[in-house]
Amino acid sequence: MQDAITLTQQLEYYKEYQSKLTAVAGRGTARSILSGALYVVSTGTGDFLQNYYHNASLSRRYNVPRYCDLLIGIFSDLAEKLYKLGARRIGVTSMPPLGCFPASIRLYGKGRSACVARLNRDAETFNRKLNATVKVLKGRHTDLKIAIFDIYTPLRKLAEAPVEQGTRAESEHKKKTMSRFPHVLELIINHIRLCLILRLR
């Protein structure tokens, strides 16, 4: 993604922040602030939607499981580096149902209005590997509090069964629900971040 800030650059920004915080608050106070902070990580979604599905050479070089392994490896490396820099509370959101985004349905739905099952399976593959990696990180660092919050399940339910999620008439409200999907995703992620703070205390 050309407009995205790479994880490497984000980590460099974080190191700069650490230095500035230490200069202002002192080493001991800075260490306490950094170890008590919550680090929220979201990874993979843009890599698939804005890169993998649009880059033929990339999708030829990596099948979905291998591409997931690549992304999970990058996340694991980031988590390890954050830990070495003092992070002790990390929250990571699962990948949402990629096939239920309106743009995904428009581009890959073959004229149908339903979620694209193939893309959702890709997200499920990623989430299984993410769960396994988080378990490894927990076992490796006993003082690390790290948790995954599932945004896949509630968003898929919202997209596929809006009546069950509180709307009145599926035929009338499904399109409206789907058109608001990105906004709903943002609201759910913000809610999850709040729950994450409470869970990792």
C-alpha atoms as a PDB file:
ATOM      1  CA  MET A   1       0.000   0.000   0.000  1.00  0.00           C
ATOM      2  CA  GLN A   2       1.610   3.200  -1.181  1.00  0.00           C
ATOM      3  CA  ASP A   3      -0.099   5.559   1.278  1.00  0.00           C
ATOM      4  CA  ALA A   4       0.249   3.379   4.374  1.00  0.00           C
ATOM      5  CA  ILE A   5       2.970   3.892   6.971  1.00  0.00           C
ATOM      6  CA  THR A   6       4.950   0.670   7.254  1.00  0.00           C
ATOM      7  CA  LEU A   7       5.194  -1.153  10.574  1.00  0.00           C
ATOM      8  CA  THR A   8       8.936  -0.518  10.526  1.00  0.00           C
ATOM      9  CA  GLN A   9       8.360   3.224  10.252  1.00  0.00           C
ATOM     10  CA  GLN A  10       5.663   3.132  12.926  1.00  0.00           C
ATOM     11  CA  LEU A  11       8.124   1.399  15.222  1.00  0.00           C
ATOM     12  CA  GLU A  12      10.700   4.114  14.552  1.00  0.00           C
ATOM     13  CA  TYR A  13       8.110   6.759  15.437  1.00  0.00           C
ATOM     14  CA  TYR A  14       7.421   4.880  18.655  1.00  0.00           C
ATOM     15  CA  LYS A  15      11.123   4.842  19.535  1.00  0.00           C
ATOM     16  CA  GLU A  16      11.237   8.597  18.967  1.00  0.00           C
ATOM     17  CA  TYR A  17       8.265   8.984  21.311  1.00  0.00           C
ATOM     18  CA  GLN A  18      10.033   6.875  23.933  1.00  0.00           C
ATOM     19  CA  SER A  19      13.078   9.124  23.773  1.00  0.00           C
ATOM     20  CA  LYS A  20      10.994  12.283  24.086  1.00  0.00           C
ATOM     21  CA  LEU A  21       8.977  10.844  26.971  1.00  0.00           C
ATOM     22  CA  THR A  22      12.149   9.828  28.816  1.00  0.00           C
ATOM     23  CA  ALA A  23      13.574  13.318  28.357  1.00  0.00           C
ATOM     24  CA  VAL A  24      10.447  14.921  29.797  1.00  0.00           C
ATOM     25  CA  ALA A  25       9.399  12.467  32.526  1.00  0.00           C
ATOM     26  CA  GLY A  26      12.636  10.730  33.454  1.00  0.00           C
ATOM     27  CA  ARG A  27      13.676   7.133  32.819  1.00  0.00           C
ATOM     28  CA  GLY A  28      11.791   5.527  35.710  1.00  0.00           C
ATOM     29  CA  THR A  29       8.485   7.301  35.092  1.00  0.00           C
ATOM     30  CA  ALA A  30       8.747   6.725  31.348  1.00  0.00           C
ATOM     31  CA  ARG A  31       9.339   3.001  31.874  1.00  0.00           C
ATOM     32  CA  SER A  32       6.275   2.812  34.116  1.00  0.00           C
ATOM     33  CA  ILE A  33       4.088   4.653  31.592  1.00  0.00           C
ATOM     34  CA  LEU A  34       5.240   2.515  28.678  1.00  0.00           C
ATOM     35  CA  SER A  35       4.827  -0.805  30.476  1.00  0.00           C
ATOM     36  CA  GLY A  36       1.339   0.170  31.652  1.00  0.00           C
ATOM     37  CA  ALA A  37       0.164   1.424  28.273  1.00  0.00           C
ATOM     38  CA  LEU A  38      -2.133  -0.558  25.986  1.00  0.00           C
ATOM     39  CA  TYR A  39      -0.760  -1.209  22.505  1.00  0.00           C
ATOM     40  CA  VAL A  40      -3.540  -1.903  20.004  1.00  0.00           C
ATOM     41  CA  VAL A  41      -2.481  -3.624  16.784  1.00  0.00           C
ATOM     42  CA  SER A  42      -4.549  -4.204  13.667  1.00  0.00           C
ATOM     43  CA  THR A  43      -2.923  -6.124  10.840  1.00  0.00           C
ATOM     44  CA  GLY A  44      -3.672  -7.934   7.610  1.00  0.00           C
ATOM     45  CA  THR A  45      -6.904  -6.373   6.357  1.00  0.00           C
ATOM     46  CA  GLY A  46      -5.358  -3.714   4.142  1.00  0.00           C
ATOM     47  CA  ASP A  47      -2.673  -6.120   2.979  1.00  0.00           C
ATOM     48  CA  PHE A  48      -5.340  -8.382   1.516  1.00  0.00           C
ATOM     49  CA  LEU A  49      -7.886  -5.859   0.274  1.00  0.00           C
ATOM     50  CA  GLN A  50      -5.507  -3.284  -1.143  1.00  0.00           C
ATOM     51  CA  ASN A  51      -2.551  -5.430  -2.083  1.00  0.00           C
ATOM     52  CA  TYR A  52      -2.943  -9.203  -2.391  1.00  0.00           C
ATOM     53  CA  TYR A  53      -6.220  -9.242  -4.316  1.00  0.00           C
ATOM     54  CA  HIS A  54      -5.008  -6.565  -6.738  1.00  0.00           C
ATOM     55  CA  ASN A  55      -1.445  -7.739  -7.298  1.00  0.00           C
ATOM     56  CA  ALA A  56      -1.363 -10.692  -9.682  1.00  0.00           C
ATOM     57  CA  SER A  57       2.352 -11.328  -9.247  1.00  0.00           C
ATOM     58  CA  LEU A  58       1.958 -11.405  -5.458  1.00  0.00           C
ATOM     59  CA  SER A  59      -0.984 -13.812  -5.538  1.00  0.00           C
ATOM     60  CA  ARG A  60       0.939 -16.061  -7.937  1.00  0.00           C
ATOM     61  CA  ARG A  61       3.971 -16.079  -5.655  1.00  0.00           C
ATOM     62  CA  TYR A  62       2.003 -16.753  -2.465  1.00  0.00           C
ATOM     63  CA  ASN A  63      -1.117 -18.806  -1.981  1.00  0.00           C
ATOM     64  CA  VAL A  64      -3.426 -17.621   0.809  1.00  0.00           C
ATOM     65  CA  PRO A  65      -1.966 -19.751   3.646  1.00  0.00           C
ATOM     66  CA  ARG A  66       1.595 -18.704   2.760  1.00  0.00           C
ATOM     67  CA  TYR A  67       0.611 -15.051   2.526  1.00  0.00           C
ATOM     68  CA  CYS A  68      -1.068 -15.344   5.924  1.00  0.00           C
ATOM     69  CA  ASP A  69       2.143 -16.859   7.291  1.00  0.00           C
ATOM     70  CA  LEU A  70       4.078 -13.890   5.906  1.00  0.00           C
ATOM     71  CA  LEU A  71       1.751 -11.360   7.556  1.00  0.00           C
ATOM     72  CA  ILE A  72       1.604 -13.282  10.845  1.00  0.00           C
ATOM     73  CA  GLY A  73       5.389 -13.428  10.890  1.00  0.00           C
ATOM     74  CA  ILE A  74       5.526  -9.641  10.534  1.00  0.00           C
ATOM     75  CA  PHE A  75       3.007  -9.243  13.369  1.00  0.00           C
ATOM     76  CA  SER A  76       4.930 -11.645  15.607  1.00  0.00           C
ATOM     77  CA  ASP A  77       8.164  -9.778  14.945  1.00  0.00           C
ATOM     78  CA  LEU A  78       6.450  -6.479  15.792  1.00  0.00           C
ATOM     79  CA  ALA A  79       5.045  -7.902  19.030  1.00  0.00           C
ATOM     80  CA  GLU A  80       8.502  -9.146  20.036  1.00  0.00           C
ATOM     81  CA  LYS A  81      10.058  -5.762  19.323  1.00  0.00           C
ATOM     82  CA  LEU A  82       7.345  -3.975  21.284  1.00  0.00           C
ATOM     83  CA  TYR A  83       7.968  -6.332  24.181  1.00  0.00           C
ATOM     84  CA  LYS A  84      11.710  -5.602  24.102  1.00  0.00           C
ATOM     85  CA  LEU A  85      10.871  -1.883  24.113  1.00  0.00           C
ATOM     86  CA  GLY A  86       8.813  -2.290  27.276  1.00  0.00           C
ATOM     87  CA  ALA A  87       5.288  -3.141  26.126  1.00  0.00           C
ATOM     88  CA  ARG A  88       3.483  -5.546  28.449  1.00  0.00           C
ATOM     89  CA  ARG A  89      -0.142  -5.157  27.313  1.00  0.00           C
ATOM     90  CA  ILE A  90      -0.911  -5.764  23.635  1.00  0.00           C
ATOM     91  CA  GLY A  91      -4.341  -6.068  22.058  1.00  0.00           C
ATOM     92  CA  VAL A  92      -4.833  -7.253  18.501  1.00  0.00           C
ATOM     93  CA  THR A  93      -8.066  -7.278  16.531  1.00  0.00           C
ATOM     94  CA  SER A  94      -8.903 -10.235  14.350  1.00  0.00           C
ATOM     95  CA  MET A  95      -9.354  -9.789  10.630  1.00  0.00           C
ATOM     96  CA  PRO A  96     -12.958  -8.818   9.752  1.00  0.00           C
ATOM     97  CA  PRO A  97     -15.034 -10.762   7.183  1.00  0.00           C
ATOM     98  CA  LEU A  98     -13.324  -9.455   4.052  1.00  0.00           C
ATOM     99  CA  GLY A  99     -16.040 -10.805   1.800  1.00  0.00           C
ATOM    100  CA  CYS A 100     -18.756  -8.717   3.461  1.00  0.00           C
ATOM    101  CA  PHE A 101     -17.282  -5.308   2.682  1.00  0.00           C
ATOM    102  CA  PRO A 102     -19.394  -3.504   0.072  1.00  0.00           C
ATOM    103  CA  ALA A 103     -16.353  -2.972  -2.161  1.00  0.00           C
ATOM    104  CA  SER A 104     -15.520  -6.685  -1.982  1.00  0.00           C
ATOM    105  CA  ILE A 105     -19.060  -7.660  -2.949  1.00  0.00           C
ATOM    106  CA  ARG A 106     -19.016  -5.190  -5.818  1.00  0.00           C
ATOM    107  CA  LEU A 107     -15.650  -6.362  -7.154  1.00  0.00           C
ATOM    108  CA  TYR A 108     -15.789 -10.097  -6.453  1.00  0.00           C
ATOM    109  CA  GLY A 109     -19.453 -10.932  -5.867  1.00  0.00           C
ATOM    110  CA  LYS A 110     -20.213 -11.762  -9.524  1.00  0.00           C
ATOM    111  CA  GLY A 111     -23.379  -9.664  -9.451  1.00  0.00           C
ATOM    112  CA  ARG A 112     -24.746 -11.135  -6.248  1.00  0.00           C
ATOM    113  CA  SER A 113     -25.402  -9.126  -3.098  1.00  0.00           C
ATOM    114  CA  ALA A 114     -24.256 -11.777  -0.633  1.00  0.00           C
ATOM    115  CA  CYS A 115     -20.905 -11.833   1.124  1.00  0.00           C
ATOM    116  CA  VAL A 116     -18.089 -13.372  -0.928  1.00  0.00           C
ATOM    117  CA  ALA A 117     -17.399 -16.733   0.720  1.00  0.00           C
ATOM    118  CA  ARG A 118     -13.886 -17.106  -0.721  1.00  0.00           C
ATOM    119  CA  LEU A 119     -12.700 -13.877   0.863  1.00  0.00           C
ATOM    120  CA  ASN A 120     -14.274 -14.765   4.192  1.00  0.00           C
ATOM    121  CA  ARG A 121     -12.435 -18.095   4.142  1.00  0.00           C
ATOM    122  CA  ASP A 122      -9.191 -16.166   3.650  1.00  0.00           C
ATOM    123  CA  ALA A 123      -9.973 -14.097   6.755  1.00  0.00           C
ATOM    124  CA  GLU A 124     -10.750 -17.263   8.721  1.00  0.00           C
ATOM    125  CA  THR A 125      -7.401 -18.767   7.690  1.00  0.00           C
ATOM    126  CA  PHE A 126      -5.611 -15.633   8.865  1.00  0.00           C
ATOM    127  CA  ASN A 127      -7.492 -15.570  12.176  1.00  0.00           C
ATOM    128  CA  ARG A 128      -6.649 -19.214  12.953  1.00  0.00           C
ATOM    129  CA  LYS A 129      -2.970 -18.498  12.424  1.00  0.00           C
ATOM    130  CA  LEU A 130      -3.207 -15.306  14.472  1.00  0.00           C
ATOM    131  CA  ASN A 131      -4.743 -17.178  17.396  1.00  0.00           C
ATOM    132  CA  ALA A 132      -1.995 -19.794  17.286  1.00  0.00           C
ATOM    133  CA  THR A 133       0.727 -17.134  17.213  1.00  0.00           C
ATOM    134  CA  VAL A 134      -0.743 -15.228  20.159  1.00  0.00           C
ATOM    135  CA  LYS A 135      -0.740 -18.453  22.185  1.00  0.00           C
ATOM    136  CA  VAL A 136       2.962 -18.892  21.392  1.00  0.00           C
ATOM    137  CA  LEU A 137       3.718 -15.323  22.463  1.00  0.00           C
ATOM    138  CA  LYS A 138       1.828 -15.835  25.723  1.00  0.00           C
ATOM    139  CA  GLY A 139       3.814 -18.968  26.460  1.00  0.00           C
ATOM    140  CA  ARG A 140       7.114 -17.296  25.625  1.00  0.00           C
ATOM    141  CA  HIS A 141       6.576 -14.222  27.823  1.00  0.00           C
ATOM    142  CA  THR A 142       4.740 -14.938  31.057  1.00  0.00           C
ATOM    143  CA  ASP A 143       4.561 -11.259  31.974  1.00  0.00           C
ATOM    144  CA  LEU A 144       2.990 -10.277  28.649  1.00  0.00           C
ATOM    145  CA  LYS A 145      -0.748  -9.687  28.596  1.00  0.00           C
ATOM    146  CA  ILE A 146      -1.886 -10.123  25.006  1.00  0.00           C
ATOM    147  CA  ALA A 147      -5.439 -10.684  23.807  1.00  0.00           C
ATOM    148  CA  ILE A 148      -7.325 -11.025  20.541  1.00  0.00           C
ATOM    149  CA  PHE A 149     -10.750  -9.498  20.117  1.00  0.00           C
ATOM    150  CA  ASP A 150     -12.953 -11.135  17.551  1.00  0.00           C
ATOM    151  CA  ILE A 151     -14.517  -8.644  15.164  1.00  0.00           C
ATOM    152  CA  TYR A 152     -15.049 -11.271  12.482  1.00  0.00           C
ATOM    153  CA  THR A 153     -18.054 -12.989  14.052  1.00  0.00           C
ATOM    154  CA  PRO A 154     -20.235  -9.976  14.953  1.00  0.00           C
ATOM    155  CA  LEU A 155     -19.585  -8.245  11.622  1.00  0.00           C
ATOM    156  CA  ARG A 156     -20.387 -11.347   9.611  1.00  0.00           C
ATOM    157  CA  LYS A 157     -23.595 -11.861  11.560  1.00  0.00           C
ATOM    158  CA  LEU A 158     -24.517  -8.229  10.999  1.00  0.00           C
ATOM    159  CA  ALA A 159     -23.907  -8.515   7.256  1.00  0.00           C
ATOM    160  CA  GLU A 160     -25.572 -11.886   6.677  1.00  0.00           C
ATOM    161  CA  ALA A 161     -28.479 -11.765   9.132  1.00  0.00           C
ATOM    162  CA  PRO A 162     -29.430  -8.140   9.830  1.00  0.00           C
ATOM    163  CA  VAL A 163     -32.914  -9.171  11.034  1.00  0.00           C
ATOM    164  CA  GLU A 164     -31.397 -11.214  13.855  1.00  0.00           C
ATOM    165  CA  GLN A 165     -29.175  -8.254  14.745  1.00  0.00           C
ATOM    166  CA  GLY A 166     -32.134  -5.958  15.331  1.00  0.00           C
ATOM    167  CA  THR A 167     -33.274  -4.585  11.945  1.00  0.00           C
ATOM    168  CA  ARG A 168     -36.970  -4.855  11.062  1.00  0.00           C
ATOM    169  CA  ALA A 169     -37.118  -6.201   7.532  1.00  0.00           C
ATOM    170  CA  GLU A 170     -34.190  -7.892   5.834  1.00  0.00           C
ATOM    171  CA  SER A 171     -35.194  -7.093   2.268  1.00  0.00           C
ATOM    172  CA  GLU A 172     -35.616  -3.420   3.106  1.00  0.00           C
ATOM    173  CA  HIS A 173     -32.665  -2.933   5.417  1.00  0.00           C
ATOM    174  CA  LYS A 174     -29.914  -5.229   4.144  1.00  0.00           C
ATOM    175  CA  LYS A 175     -28.613  -2.798   1.533  1.00  0.00           C
ATOM    176  CA  LYS A 176     -28.721   0.042   4.041  1.00  0.00           C
ATOM    177  CA  THR A 177     -26.851  -2.110   6.575  1.00  0.00           C
ATOM    178  CA  MET A 178     -24.193  -3.030   4.011  1.00  0.00           C
ATOM    179  CA  SER A 179     -23.747   0.576   2.889  1.00  0.00           C
ATOM    180  CA  ARG A 180     -23.015   1.507   6.509  1.00  0.00           C
ATOM    181  CA  PHE A 181     -20.658  -1.427   6.997  1.00  0.00           C
ATOM    182  CA  PRO A 182     -17.406   0.590   7.175  1.00  0.00           C
ATOM    183  CA  HIS A 183     -18.972   2.948   9.744  1.00  0.00           C
ATOM    184  CA  VAL A 184     -20.306   0.018  11.764  1.00  0.00           C
ATOM    185  CA  LEU A 185     -16.849  -1.573  11.615  1.00  0.00           C
ATOM    186  CA  GLU A 186     -15.307   1.580  13.062  1.00  0.00           C
ATOM    187  CA  LEU A 187     -17.847   1.680  15.892  1.00  0.00           C
ATOM    188  CA  ILE A 188     -17.273  -1.980  16.752  1.00  0.00           C
ATOM    189  CA  ILE A 189     -13.493  -1.568  16.735  1.00  0.00           C
ATOM    190  CA  ASN A 190     -13.747   1.444  19.052  1.00  0.00           C
ATOM    191  CA  HIS A 191     -15.992  -0.554  21.398  1.00  0.00           C
ATOM    192  CA  ILE A 192     -13.543  -3.464  21.298  1.00  0.00           C
ATOM    193  CA  ARG A 193     -10.664  -1.162  22.181  1.00  0.00           C
ATOM    194  CA  LEU A 194     -12.553  -0.057  25.291  1.00  0.00           C
ATOM    195  CA  CYS A 195     -13.272  -3.682  26.248  1.00  0.00           C
ATOM    196  CA  LEU A 196      -9.635  -4.513  25.569  1.00  0.00           C
ATOM    197  CA  ILE A 197      -8.482  -1.879  28.038  1.00  0.00           C
ATOM    198  CA  LEU A 198     -10.756  -3.351  30.705  1.00  0.00           C
ATOM    199  CA  ARG A 199      -9.680  -6.934  29.935  1.00  0.00           C
ATOM    200  CA  LEU A 200      -5.950  -6.229  30.018  1.00  0.00           C
ATOM    201  CA  ARG A 201      -5.948  -4.277  33.261  1.00  0.00           C
END
